[in-house]
Amino acid sequence: MTIFLAPTSGNQTDRKRGTQKKKKKRKTSKARKAIKAIKANKAIKAIKAIKANKAIKANKAIKAIKANKANNQRNE
């Protein structure tokens, strides 16, 4: 019968290293990208994102861009 000795002098934590689960990175959807682009007021990027995206969200994004443009003209 073998006797397992507990690791001494602070080695316990070393044994556990690398066992934590890695967090999955969320893939940014085109819609999110469009929204980000709108917020940053980059029309071209937003339009690109919209073109590659589904119609309903795209419409929302387009409306947001139009509203944004109108706002900017008012602010100038």
N, C-alpha and C. Protein backbone atom coordinates (compact mmCIF):
# COMPACT_ATOMS: atom_id res chain seq x y z
N MET A 1 0.83 -1.20 0.00
CA MET A 1 0.00 0.00 0.00
C MET A 1 0.87 1.26 0.00
N THR A 2 0.56 2.14 -0.92
CA THR A 2 1.37 3.36 -0.98
C THR A 2 0.74 4.45 -0.14
N ILE A 3 1.60 5.26 0.43
CA ILE A 3 1.11 6.37 1.25
C ILE A 3 1.29 7.65 0.45
N PHE A 4 0.18 8.37 0.23
CA PHE A 4 0.28 9.64 -0.50
C PHE A 4 0.53 10.75 0.48
N LEU A 5 1.65 11.41 0.31
CA LEU A 5 1.96 12.53 1.18
C LEU A 5 1.34 13.80 0.61
N ALA A 6 0.75 14.57 1.49
CA ALA A 6 0.20 15.84 1.05
C ALA A 6 1.35 16.76 0.70
N PRO A 7 1.25 17.50 -0.39
CA PRO A 7 2.34 18.39 -0.76
C PRO A 7 2.54 19.44 0.32
N THR A 8 3.78 19.68 0.67
CA THR A 8 4.06 20.59 1.78
C THR A 8 4.50 21.95 1.25
N SER A 9 4.55 22.87 2.12
CA SER A 9 5.04 24.24 1.92
C SER A 9 4.44 24.89 0.67
N GLY A 10 3.14 25.08 0.72
CA GLY A 10 2.47 25.90 -0.29
C GLY A 10 2.43 25.34 -1.69
N ASN A 11 2.59 24.04 -1.85
CA ASN A 11 2.49 23.49 -3.20
C ASN A 11 1.06 23.16 -3.58
N GLN A 12 0.16 23.26 -2.62
CA GLN A 12 -1.19 22.85 -2.90
C GLN A 12 -1.79 23.61 -4.08
N THR A 13 -1.50 24.89 -4.12
CA THR A 13 -2.13 25.70 -5.16
C THR A 13 -1.53 25.34 -6.52
N ASP A 14 -0.27 24.94 -6.53
CA ASP A 14 0.37 24.62 -7.80
C ASP A 14 -0.34 23.47 -8.50
N ARG A 15 -0.89 22.57 -7.69
CA ARG A 15 -1.53 21.42 -8.29
C ARG A 15 -2.79 21.80 -9.04
N LYS A 16 -3.45 22.87 -8.56
CA LYS A 16 -4.74 23.23 -9.14
C LYS A 16 -4.60 24.07 -10.39
N ARG A 17 -3.44 24.59 -10.63
CA ARG A 17 -3.29 25.54 -11.74
C ARG A 17 -3.72 24.93 -13.07
N GLY A 18 -4.39 25.74 -13.87
CA GLY A 18 -4.77 25.29 -15.21
C GLY A 18 -6.06 24.49 -15.23
N THR A 19 -6.78 24.47 -14.12
CA THR A 19 -8.02 23.70 -14.13
C THR A 19 -9.24 24.60 -14.30
N GLN A 20 -9.01 25.92 -14.26
CA GLN A 20 -10.16 26.80 -14.38
C GLN A 20 -10.67 26.81 -15.81
N LYS A 21 -11.97 26.91 -15.92
CA LYS A 21 -12.57 26.92 -17.25
C LYS A 21 -12.33 28.26 -17.92
N LYS A 22 -12.04 28.20 -19.20
CA LYS A 22 -11.80 29.44 -19.93
C LYS A 22 -13.15 30.02 -20.36
N LYS A 23 -13.27 31.32 -20.21
CA LYS A 23 -14.51 31.98 -20.58
C LYS A 23 -14.57 32.11 -22.09
N LYS A 24 -15.73 31.80 -22.64
CA LYS A 24 -15.86 31.90 -24.09
C LYS A 24 -16.09 33.35 -24.48
N LYS A 25 -15.44 33.74 -25.54
CA LYS A 25 -15.61 35.10 -26.04
C LYS A 25 -16.86 35.15 -26.90
N ARG A 26 -17.69 36.13 -26.67
CA ARG A 26 -18.91 36.23 -27.46
C ARG A 26 -18.59 36.85 -28.81
N LYS A 27 -19.06 36.19 -29.84
CA LYS A 27 -18.83 36.74 -31.18
C LYS A 27 -19.77 37.92 -31.37
N THR A 28 -19.19 39.05 -31.70
CA THR A 28 -20.01 40.24 -31.88
C THR A 28 -20.83 40.10 -33.14
N SER A 29 -22.13 40.19 -33.00
CA SER A 29 -23.00 40.04 -34.16
C SER A 29 -22.92 41.29 -35.01
N LYS A 30 -23.35 41.15 -36.24
CA LYS A 30 -23.31 42.29 -37.18
C LYS A 30 -24.19 43.43 -36.65
N ALA A 31 -25.28 43.04 -35.99
CA ALA A 31 -26.19 44.06 -35.48
C ALA A 31 -25.49 44.90 -34.42
N ARG A 32 -24.78 44.21 -33.51
CA ARG A 32 -24.05 44.93 -32.47
C ARG A 32 -23.01 45.85 -33.08
N LYS A 33 -22.33 45.32 -34.12
CA LYS A 33 -21.30 46.13 -34.79
C LYS A 33 -21.93 47.37 -35.40
N ALA A 34 -23.12 47.17 -36.00
CA ALA A 34 -23.80 48.29 -36.62
C ALA A 34 -24.13 49.34 -35.56
N ILE A 35 -24.62 48.87 -34.43
CA ILE A 35 -25.00 49.79 -33.36
C ILE A 35 -23.78 50.55 -32.86
N LYS A 36 -22.67 49.80 -32.69
CA LYS A 36 -21.43 50.44 -32.24
C LYS A 36 -20.99 51.50 -33.25
N ALA A 37 -21.06 51.13 -34.52
CA ALA A 37 -20.63 52.04 -35.57
C ALA A 37 -21.49 53.30 -35.58
N ILE A 38 -22.78 53.10 -35.32
CA ILE A 38 -23.69 54.25 -35.28
C ILE A 38 -23.31 55.16 -34.13
N LYS A 39 -23.06 54.54 -32.97
CA LYS A 39 -22.72 55.33 -31.80
C LYS A 39 -21.43 56.13 -32.05
N ALA A 40 -20.50 55.49 -32.77
CA ALA A 40 -19.24 56.17 -33.07
C ALA A 40 -19.40 57.07 -34.28
N ASN A 41 -20.60 57.07 -34.84
CA ASN A 41 -20.95 57.94 -35.95
C ASN A 41 -20.13 57.65 -37.20
N LYS A 42 -19.78 56.40 -37.41
CA LYS A 42 -19.06 56.03 -38.62
C LYS A 42 -20.06 55.42 -39.59
N ALA A 43 -20.55 56.25 -40.50
CA ALA A 43 -21.66 55.85 -41.35
C ALA A 43 -21.29 54.68 -42.26
N ILE A 44 -20.08 54.72 -42.84
CA ILE A 44 -19.71 53.69 -43.82
C ILE A 44 -19.70 52.32 -43.14
N LYS A 45 -19.04 52.27 -41.98
CA LYS A 45 -18.95 51.00 -41.25
C LYS A 45 -20.34 50.49 -40.92
N ALA A 46 -21.19 51.40 -40.49
CA ALA A 46 -22.54 51.02 -40.09
C ALA A 46 -23.28 50.44 -41.28
N ILE A 47 -23.13 51.09 -42.42
CA ILE A 47 -23.84 50.64 -43.62
C ILE A 47 -23.34 49.26 -44.02
N LYS A 48 -22.01 49.06 -43.93
CA LYS A 48 -21.44 47.75 -44.27
C LYS A 48 -22.03 46.69 -43.37
N ALA A 49 -22.08 47.00 -42.08
CA ALA A 49 -22.60 46.04 -41.12
C ALA A 49 -24.07 45.75 -41.41
N ILE A 50 -24.78 46.79 -41.81
CA ILE A 50 -26.20 46.63 -42.09
C ILE A 50 -26.40 45.74 -43.31
N LYS A 51 -25.60 45.98 -44.35
CA LYS A 51 -25.75 45.21 -45.59
C LYS A 51 -25.59 43.72 -45.33
N ALA A 52 -24.70 43.39 -44.41
CA ALA A 52 -24.43 41.99 -44.14
C ALA A 52 -25.41 41.43 -43.11
N ASN A 53 -26.45 42.20 -42.79
CA ASN A 53 -27.29 41.81 -41.66
C ASN A 53 -28.75 41.57 -42.05
N LYS A 54 -29.50 41.15 -41.06
CA LYS A 54 -30.90 40.84 -41.29
C LYS A 54 -31.72 42.12 -41.35
N ALA A 55 -32.83 42.04 -42.08
CA ALA A 55 -33.56 43.24 -42.48
C ALA A 55 -34.09 44.05 -41.31
N ILE A 56 -34.68 43.40 -40.31
CA ILE A 56 -35.37 44.16 -39.25
C ILE A 56 -34.36 45.00 -38.48
N LYS A 57 -33.27 44.34 -38.06
CA LYS A 57 -32.26 45.06 -37.30
C LYS A 57 -31.63 46.13 -38.16
N ALA A 58 -31.45 45.82 -39.43
CA ALA A 58 -30.86 46.78 -40.35
C ALA A 58 -31.71 48.03 -40.43
N ASN A 59 -33.03 47.84 -40.51
CA ASN A 59 -33.93 48.99 -40.57
C ASN A 59 -33.78 49.86 -39.35
N LYS A 60 -33.70 49.21 -38.20
CA LYS A 60 -33.54 49.97 -36.96
C LYS A 60 -32.26 50.79 -37.03
N ALA A 61 -31.19 50.13 -37.52
CA ALA A 61 -29.90 50.79 -37.59
C ALA A 61 -29.95 51.97 -38.55
N ILE A 62 -30.63 51.77 -39.68
CA ILE A 62 -30.73 52.85 -40.67
C ILE A 62 -31.47 54.04 -40.06
N LYS A 63 -32.55 53.73 -39.36
CA LYS A 63 -33.32 54.80 -38.71
C LYS A 63 -32.42 55.55 -37.72
N ALA A 64 -31.64 54.78 -36.99
CA ALA A 64 -30.76 55.39 -36.00
C ALA A 64 -29.75 56.30 -36.68
N ILE A 65 -29.22 55.85 -37.82
CA ILE A 65 -28.24 56.67 -38.55
C ILE A 65 -28.90 57.97 -39.00
N LYS A 66 -30.09 57.85 -39.56
CA LYS A 66 -30.79 59.04 -40.05
C LYS A 66 -31.03 60.02 -38.90
N ALA A 67 -31.46 59.48 -37.77
CA ALA A 67 -31.72 60.32 -36.60
C ALA A 67 -30.43 60.99 -36.16
N ASN A 68 -29.36 60.23 -36.19
CA ASN A 68 -28.06 60.73 -35.78
C ASN A 68 -27.60 61.86 -36.69
N LYS A 69 -27.78 61.65 -38.00
CA LYS A 69 -27.37 62.68 -38.97
C LYS A 69 -28.17 63.96 -38.74
N ALA A 70 -29.46 63.79 -38.52
CA ALA A 70 -30.32 64.95 -38.29
C ALA A 70 -29.86 65.69 -37.05
N ASN A 71 -29.53 64.93 -36.02
CA ASN A 71 -29.06 65.50 -34.78
C ASN A 71 -27.79 66.31 -34.99
N ASN A 72 -26.87 65.72 -35.74
CA ASN A 72 -25.59 66.39 -35.96
C ASN A 72 -25.77 67.70 -36.70
N GLN A 73 -26.68 67.69 -37.67
CA GLN A 73 -26.91 68.92 -38.42
C GLN A 73 -27.50 70.00 -37.52
N ARG A 74 -28.36 69.56 -36.60
CA ARG A 74 -28.95 70.51 -35.66
C ARG A 74 -27.89 71.11 -34.75
N ASN A 75 -26.95 70.26 -34.37
CA ASN A 75 -25.94 70.69 -33.40
C ASN A 75 -24.89 71.61 -34.01
N GLU A 76 -24.78 71.57 -35.32
CA GLU A 76 -23.72 72.39 -35.95
C GLU A 76 -24.10 73.87 -35.96
